[in-house]
Amino acid sequence: MIDVKKAVEYSEQELENFIGEKPNLEVLYEHGYYVEVNDDKKGFFALVPVDEQAVWLRALYVDPKMNAHFILTLFEVIPSYKGNRDVYVFCHQDELETLLQAQQFTKIKREETPPFLQALRNGKGDWWKW
């Protein structure tokens, strides 16, 4: 059985143990969700608000022991937690673009990037919208 639980229902240390040490761990903890299979944490995602109508899919992790296709399960779960808000992803890895396209994300042209995302650009990469 698949279940989704807020990260704050567990300790911040458990999150660090699951995804590793990250510079924005507190933000991921506050806005994150575990995806559990039979009460065992197998995935994690964080939807960080960037605007009243938008969230940033800031993190997406899958337990390395899981089948790689499990990431598709995470994409099936996310719409239930985004509400009526747009979802944005900052992609800096060319190999992930195919996955984003398959999930109906659209690449945003740099000149059309919403102002609230401009300041969040972190190096080379592109914003995608779902």
N, C-alpha and C. Protein backbone atom coordinates (compact mmCIF):
# COMPACT_ATOMS: atom_id res chain seq x y z
N MET A 1 0.82 -1.18 0.00
CA MET A 1 0.00 0.00 0.00
C MET A 1 0.88 1.25 0.00
N ILE A 2 0.52 2.22 -0.84
CA ILE A 2 1.27 3.47 -0.92
C ILE A 2 0.58 4.52 -0.06
N ASP A 3 1.37 5.22 0.73
CA ASP A 3 0.86 6.27 1.60
C ASP A 3 1.80 7.47 1.50
N VAL A 4 1.27 8.67 1.66
CA VAL A 4 2.07 9.89 1.63
C VAL A 4 1.93 10.57 2.98
N LYS A 5 3.07 10.93 3.58
CA LYS A 5 3.07 11.58 4.89
C LYS A 5 3.99 12.79 4.86
N LYS A 6 3.58 13.82 5.58
CA LYS A 6 4.40 15.03 5.66
C LYS A 6 5.71 14.71 6.38
N ALA A 7 6.77 15.31 5.89
CA ALA A 7 8.09 15.08 6.50
C ALA A 7 8.11 15.52 7.96
N VAL A 8 7.36 16.58 8.29
CA VAL A 8 7.37 17.08 9.67
C VAL A 8 6.75 16.12 10.67
N GLU A 9 6.14 15.03 10.18
CA GLU A 9 5.64 14.00 11.09
C GLU A 9 6.78 13.13 11.62
N TYR A 10 7.96 13.32 11.07
CA TYR A 10 9.16 12.59 11.48
C TYR A 10 10.21 13.61 11.88
N SER A 11 11.35 13.15 12.32
CA SER A 11 12.41 14.07 12.71
C SER A 11 13.17 14.58 11.48
N GLU A 12 13.77 15.74 11.63
CA GLU A 12 14.59 16.29 10.55
C GLU A 12 15.80 15.39 10.29
N GLN A 13 16.29 14.73 11.33
CA GLN A 13 17.41 13.81 11.19
C GLN A 13 17.05 12.63 10.29
N GLU A 14 15.81 12.15 10.38
CA GLU A 14 15.37 11.05 9.51
C GLU A 14 15.42 11.48 8.05
N LEU A 15 15.05 12.74 7.79
CA LEU A 15 15.10 13.24 6.42
C LEU A 15 16.54 13.28 5.92
N GLU A 16 17.43 13.77 6.75
CA GLU A 16 18.84 13.82 6.36
C GLU A 16 19.38 12.41 6.13
N ASN A 17 18.98 11.46 6.94
CA ASN A 17 19.41 10.08 6.74
C ASN A 17 18.89 9.52 5.41
N PHE A 18 17.69 9.95 5.02
CA PHE A 18 17.06 9.43 3.81
C PHE A 18 17.63 10.07 2.54
N ILE A 19 17.78 11.40 2.52
CA ILE A 19 18.22 12.07 1.28
C ILE A 19 19.65 12.56 1.33
N GLY A 20 20.26 12.50 2.49
CA GLY A 20 21.63 12.98 2.61
C GLY A 20 21.66 14.43 3.07
N GLU A 21 22.85 14.92 3.33
CA GLU A 21 23.01 16.29 3.79
C GLU A 21 22.80 17.25 2.63
N LYS A 22 21.89 18.18 2.79
CA LYS A 22 21.56 19.16 1.74
C LYS A 22 21.60 20.56 2.34
N PRO A 23 21.99 21.56 1.54
CA PRO A 23 22.09 22.93 2.07
C PRO A 23 20.75 23.50 2.52
N ASN A 24 19.65 23.10 1.92
CA ASN A 24 18.34 23.65 2.27
C ASN A 24 17.47 22.62 2.96
N LEU A 25 18.06 21.82 3.81
CA LEU A 25 17.33 20.73 4.46
C LEU A 25 16.11 21.21 5.22
N GLU A 26 16.21 22.36 5.90
CA GLU A 26 15.09 22.86 6.69
C GLU A 26 13.87 23.16 5.81
N VAL A 27 14.12 23.73 4.62
CA VAL A 27 13.03 24.05 3.69
C VAL A 27 12.40 22.76 3.17
N LEU A 28 13.24 21.80 2.83
CA LEU A 28 12.73 20.52 2.35
C LEU A 28 11.92 19.82 3.44
N TYR A 29 12.38 19.91 4.65
CA TYR A 29 11.68 19.30 5.79
C TYR A 29 10.31 19.95 5.98
N GLU A 30 10.26 21.26 5.91
CA GLU A 30 9.02 22.00 6.14
C GLU A 30 7.97 21.74 5.05
N HIS A 31 8.42 21.57 3.79
CA HIS A 31 7.50 21.46 2.66
C HIS A 31 7.53 20.09 1.98
N GLY A 32 8.13 19.12 2.65
CA GLY A 32 8.32 17.82 2.02
C GLY A 32 7.34 16.75 2.42
N TYR A 33 7.33 15.71 1.60
CA TYR A 33 6.44 14.56 1.80
C TYR A 33 7.21 13.27 1.52
N TYR A 34 7.02 12.29 2.38
CA TYR A 34 7.54 10.96 2.13
C TYR A 34 6.49 10.15 1.39
N VAL A 35 6.92 9.31 0.49
CA VAL A 35 6.04 8.34 -0.14
C VAL A 35 6.47 6.99 0.43
N GLU A 36 5.54 6.35 1.12
CA GLU A 36 5.85 5.10 1.79
C GLU A 36 5.15 3.94 1.10
N VAL A 37 5.83 2.83 1.06
CA VAL A 37 5.27 1.59 0.55
C VAL A 37 5.30 0.60 1.71
N ASN A 38 4.13 0.15 2.12
CA ASN A 38 4.01 -0.76 3.27
C ASN A 38 4.75 -0.21 4.49
N ASP A 39 4.51 1.07 4.79
CA ASP A 39 5.08 1.77 5.95
C ASP A 39 6.60 1.94 5.89
N ASP A 40 7.19 1.80 4.72
CA ASP A 40 8.64 1.97 4.56
C ASP A 40 8.88 3.12 3.60
N LYS A 41 9.68 4.11 4.00
CA LYS A 41 9.96 5.28 3.16
C LYS A 41 10.71 4.86 1.90
N LYS A 42 10.13 5.16 0.75
CA LYS A 42 10.73 4.79 -0.53
C LYS A 42 10.96 5.99 -1.44
N GLY A 43 10.29 7.10 -1.16
CA GLY A 43 10.45 8.28 -1.99
C GLY A 43 10.20 9.53 -1.18
N PHE A 44 10.59 10.67 -1.77
CA PHE A 44 10.42 11.96 -1.10
C PHE A 44 10.29 13.03 -2.18
N PHE A 45 9.40 14.00 -1.91
CA PHE A 45 9.33 15.17 -2.77
C PHE A 45 9.00 16.38 -1.91
N ALA A 46 9.41 17.56 -2.37
CA ALA A 46 9.13 18.80 -1.66
C ALA A 46 8.54 19.80 -2.64
N LEU A 47 7.42 20.40 -2.24
CA LEU A 47 6.75 21.43 -3.04
C LEU A 47 6.85 22.74 -2.26
N VAL A 48 7.83 23.56 -2.62
CA VAL A 48 8.11 24.79 -1.90
C VAL A 48 7.35 25.95 -2.55
N PRO A 49 6.51 26.66 -1.79
CA PRO A 49 5.78 27.79 -2.37
C PRO A 49 6.74 28.88 -2.84
N VAL A 50 6.48 29.40 -4.05
CA VAL A 50 7.29 30.51 -4.59
C VAL A 50 6.40 31.71 -4.92
N ASP A 51 5.09 31.49 -4.85
CA ASP A 51 4.10 32.51 -5.21
C ASP A 51 2.77 31.96 -4.71
N GLU A 52 1.74 32.79 -4.65
CA GLU A 52 0.44 32.31 -4.19
C GLU A 52 -0.13 31.23 -5.10
N GLN A 53 0.26 31.27 -6.38
CA GLN A 53 -0.28 30.33 -7.36
C GLN A 53 0.74 29.32 -7.86
N ALA A 54 1.90 29.22 -7.19
CA ALA A 54 2.95 28.36 -7.73
C ALA A 54 3.78 27.72 -6.63
N VAL A 55 4.24 26.49 -6.93
CA VAL A 55 5.18 25.79 -6.06
C VAL A 55 6.36 25.31 -6.90
N TRP A 56 7.47 25.15 -6.24
CA TRP A 56 8.70 24.66 -6.87
C TRP A 56 8.89 23.23 -6.42
N LEU A 57 8.91 22.31 -7.36
CA LEU A 57 9.26 20.92 -7.05
C LEU A 57 10.76 20.92 -6.79
N ARG A 58 11.09 21.17 -5.53
CA ARG A 58 12.47 21.46 -5.15
C ARG A 58 13.29 20.19 -4.96
N ALA A 59 12.61 19.10 -4.66
CA ALA A 59 13.33 17.85 -4.43
C ALA A 59 12.47 16.68 -4.87
N LEU A 60 13.13 15.68 -5.40
CA LEU A 60 12.47 14.44 -5.80
C LEU A 60 13.51 13.33 -5.64
N TYR A 61 13.28 12.48 -4.66
CA TYR A 61 14.24 11.42 -4.35
C TYR A 61 13.55 10.06 -4.34
N VAL A 62 14.27 9.07 -4.78
CA VAL A 62 13.80 7.70 -4.74
C VAL A 62 14.88 6.86 -4.06
N ASP A 63 14.44 5.99 -3.16
CA ASP A 63 15.37 5.07 -2.52
C ASP A 63 16.14 4.32 -3.61
N PRO A 64 17.48 4.33 -3.58
CA PRO A 64 18.27 3.69 -4.63
C PRO A 64 17.98 2.20 -4.81
N LYS A 65 17.40 1.57 -3.79
CA LYS A 65 17.08 0.14 -3.90
C LYS A 65 15.78 -0.11 -4.67
N MET A 66 15.03 0.97 -4.91
CA MET A 66 13.75 0.84 -5.61
C MET A 66 13.99 0.77 -7.11
N ASN A 67 13.05 0.15 -7.80
CA ASN A 67 13.06 0.12 -9.25
C ASN A 67 13.01 1.56 -9.75
N ALA A 68 13.79 1.87 -10.76
CA ALA A 68 13.86 3.24 -11.29
C ALA A 68 12.50 3.76 -11.73
N HIS A 69 11.60 2.88 -12.09
CA HIS A 69 10.27 3.29 -12.53
C HIS A 69 9.42 3.85 -11.39
N PHE A 70 9.86 3.68 -10.17
CA PHE A 70 9.11 4.20 -9.03
C PHE A 70 8.99 5.71 -9.09
N ILE A 71 9.92 6.37 -9.76
CA ILE A 71 9.84 7.82 -9.89
C ILE A 71 8.55 8.24 -10.58
N LEU A 72 8.04 7.40 -11.47
CA LEU A 72 6.77 7.69 -12.13
C LEU A 72 5.61 7.69 -11.13
N THR A 73 5.71 6.84 -10.13
CA THR A 73 4.71 6.82 -9.06
C THR A 73 4.70 8.15 -8.32
N LEU A 74 5.89 8.70 -8.08
CA LEU A 74 5.96 10.00 -7.41
C LEU A 74 5.25 11.06 -8.23
N PHE A 75 5.45 11.05 -9.54
CA PHE A 75 4.78 12.03 -10.39
C PHE A 75 3.26 11.83 -10.39
N GLU A 76 2.80 10.63 -10.16
CA GLU A 76 1.36 10.38 -10.07
C GLU A 76 0.78 10.91 -8.76
N VAL A 77 1.58 10.93 -7.70
CA VAL A 77 1.14 11.36 -6.38
C VAL A 77 1.13 12.88 -6.25
N ILE A 78 2.08 13.56 -6.85
CA ILE A 78 2.27 15.01 -6.66
C ILE A 78 1.02 15.84 -6.92
N PRO A 79 0.24 15.58 -7.98
CA PRO A 79 -0.93 16.44 -8.22
C PRO A 79 -1.90 16.54 -7.04
N SER A 80 -1.96 15.52 -6.22
CA SER A 80 -2.85 15.56 -5.05
C SER A 80 -2.38 16.54 -3.99
N TYR A 81 -1.13 16.97 -4.06
CA TYR A 81 -0.55 17.83 -3.03
C TYR A 81 -0.22 19.23 -3.53
N LYS A 82 -0.34 19.46 -4.81
CA LYS A 82 -0.03 20.79 -5.36
C LYS A 82 -1.22 21.73 -5.29
N GLY A 83 -2.43 21.19 -5.10
CA GLY A 83 -3.63 22.02 -5.11
C GLY A 83 -3.85 22.61 -6.49
N ASN A 84 -4.34 23.83 -6.54
CA ASN A 84 -4.58 24.51 -7.81
C ASN A 84 -3.37 25.31 -8.28
N ARG A 85 -2.24 25.03 -7.72
CA ARG A 85 -1.04 25.80 -8.03
C ARG A 85 -0.25 25.17 -9.18
N ASP A 86 0.44 26.03 -9.93
CA ASP A 86 1.35 25.55 -10.96
C ASP A 86 2.58 24.96 -10.29
N VAL A 87 3.18 23.97 -10.93
CA VAL A 87 4.40 23.35 -10.41
C VAL A 87 5.55 23.69 -11.35
N TYR A 88 6.64 24.18 -10.76
CA TYR A 88 7.84 24.52 -11.53
C TYR A 88 9.00 23.63 -11.08
N VAL A 89 9.86 23.32 -12.02
CA VAL A 89 11.08 22.54 -11.74
C VAL A 89 12.23 23.27 -12.40
N PHE A 90 13.36 23.36 -11.69
CA PHE A 90 14.58 23.90 -12.29
C PHE A 90 15.44 22.70 -12.66
N CYS A 91 15.65 22.52 -13.95
CA CYS A 91 16.41 21.36 -14.44
C CYS A 91 17.76 21.80 -14.99
N HIS A 92 18.80 21.23 -14.44
CA HIS A 92 20.16 21.53 -14.90
C HIS A 92 20.86 20.27 -15.43
N GLN A 93 20.08 19.22 -15.66
CA GLN A 93 20.63 17.97 -16.19
C GLN A 93 19.88 17.61 -17.46
N ASP A 94 20.56 17.64 -18.58
CA ASP A 94 19.94 17.36 -19.87
C ASP A 94 19.21 16.02 -19.90
N GLU A 95 19.76 15.02 -19.20
CA GLU A 95 19.16 13.70 -19.24
C GLU A 95 17.79 13.64 -18.54
N LEU A 96 17.47 14.62 -17.71
CA LEU A 96 16.17 14.64 -17.04
C LEU A 96 15.08 15.31 -17.88
N GLU A 97 15.48 16.02 -18.93
CA GLU A 97 14.50 16.74 -19.74
C GLU A 97 13.48 15.80 -20.38
N THR A 98 13.92 14.63 -20.80
CA THR A 98 13.00 13.66 -21.40
C THR A 98 11.95 13.23 -20.38
N LEU A 99 12.36 13.01 -19.14
CA LEU A 99 11.42 12.65 -18.09
C LEU A 99 10.41 13.77 -17.88
N LEU A 100 10.87 15.01 -17.83
CA LEU A 100 9.96 16.14 -17.63
C LEU A 100 8.97 16.25 -18.79
N GLN A 101 9.46 16.08 -20.00
CA GLN A 101 8.57 16.13 -21.16
C GLN A 101 7.53 15.01 -21.09
N ALA A 102 7.93 13.84 -20.69
CA ALA A 102 7.01 12.71 -20.59
C ALA A 102 5.94 12.95 -19.53
N GLN A 103 6.25 13.77 -18.55
CA GLN A 103 5.29 14.09 -17.49
C GLN A 103 4.50 15.36 -17.79
N GLN A 104 4.57 15.82 -19.04
CA GLN A 104 3.80 16.98 -19.51
C GLN A 104 4.31 18.32 -18.98
N PHE A 105 5.58 18.39 -18.59
CA PHE A 105 6.18 19.67 -18.25
C PHE A 105 6.56 20.37 -19.55
N THR A 106 6.56 21.70 -19.52
CA THR A 106 6.93 22.51 -20.68
C THR A 106 8.10 23.40 -20.29
N LYS A 107 9.13 23.41 -21.12
CA LYS A 107 10.29 24.27 -20.85
C LYS A 107 9.88 25.73 -21.04
N ILE A 108 10.32 26.58 -20.12
CA ILE A 108 10.02 28.01 -20.19
C ILE A 108 11.20 28.72 -20.82
N LYS A 109 10.94 29.53 -21.82
CA LYS A 109 12.01 30.33 -22.43
C LYS A 109 12.52 31.31 -21.39
N ARG A 110 13.83 31.54 -21.37
CA ARG A 110 14.43 32.41 -20.34
C ARG A 110 13.74 33.77 -20.28
N GLU A 111 13.44 34.34 -21.45
CA GLU A 111 12.82 35.67 -21.47
C GLU A 111 11.37 35.65 -20.99
N GLU A 112 10.79 34.47 -20.85
CA GLU A 112 9.41 34.34 -20.38
C GLU A 112 9.32 33.81 -18.95
N THR A 113 10.45 33.69 -18.29
CA THR A 113 10.46 33.20 -16.91
C THR A 113 9.74 34.19 -16.00
N PRO A 114 8.77 33.73 -15.21
CA PRO A 114 8.07 34.64 -14.29
C PRO A 114 9.05 35.32 -13.34
N PRO A 115 8.79 36.57 -12.99
CA PRO A 115 9.71 37.32 -12.10
C PRO A 115 10.02 36.60 -10.79
N PHE A 116 9.02 35.92 -10.21
CA PHE A 116 9.27 35.27 -8.92
C PHE A 116 10.24 34.10 -9.03
N LEU A 117 10.50 33.62 -10.26
CA LEU A 117 11.46 32.55 -10.45
C LEU A 117 12.84 33.06 -10.86
N GLN A 118 12.91 34.28 -11.36
CA GLN A 118 14.18 34.84 -11.84
C GLN A 118 15.27 34.76 -10.78
N ALA A 119 14.95 35.18 -9.58
CA ALA A 119 15.94 35.22 -8.50
C ALA A 119 16.33 33.82 -8.02
N LEU A 120 15.51 32.82 -8.32
CA LEU A 120 15.79 31.46 -7.85
C LEU A 120 16.68 30.68 -8.80
N ARG A 121 16.93 31.23 -9.99
CA ARG A 121 17.79 30.55 -10.97
C ARG A 121 19.15 30.32 -10.32
N ASN A 122 19.59 29.09 -10.39
CA ASN A 122 20.85 28.72 -9.74
C ASN A 122 21.80 28.12 -10.77
N GLY A 123 22.53 28.97 -11.44
CA GLY A 123 23.49 28.48 -12.43
C GLY A 123 22.84 28.08 -13.73
N LYS A 124 23.50 27.17 -14.43
CA LYS A 124 23.04 26.71 -15.74
C LYS A 124 21.81 25.81 -15.59
N GLY A 125 20.84 26.03 -16.43
CA GLY A 125 19.64 25.20 -16.40
C GLY A 125 18.44 25.99 -16.88
N ASP A 126 17.30 25.32 -16.88
CA ASP A 126 16.07 25.93 -17.36
C ASP A 126 14.92 25.61 -16.41
N TRP A 127 13.95 26.51 -16.37
CA TRP A 127 12.72 26.29 -15.62
C TRP A 127 11.75 25.55 -16.51
N TRP A 128 10.99 24.65 -15.90
CA TRP A 128 9.95 23.89 -16.58
C TRP A 128 8.67 24.07 -15.79
N LYS A 129 7.52 24.09 -16.47
CA LYS A 129 6.23 24.27 -15.81
C LYS A 129 5.33 23.07 -16.10
N TRP A 130 4.58 22.67 -15.07
CA TRP A 130 3.64 21.57 -15.19
C TRP A 130 2.24 22.11 -15.05
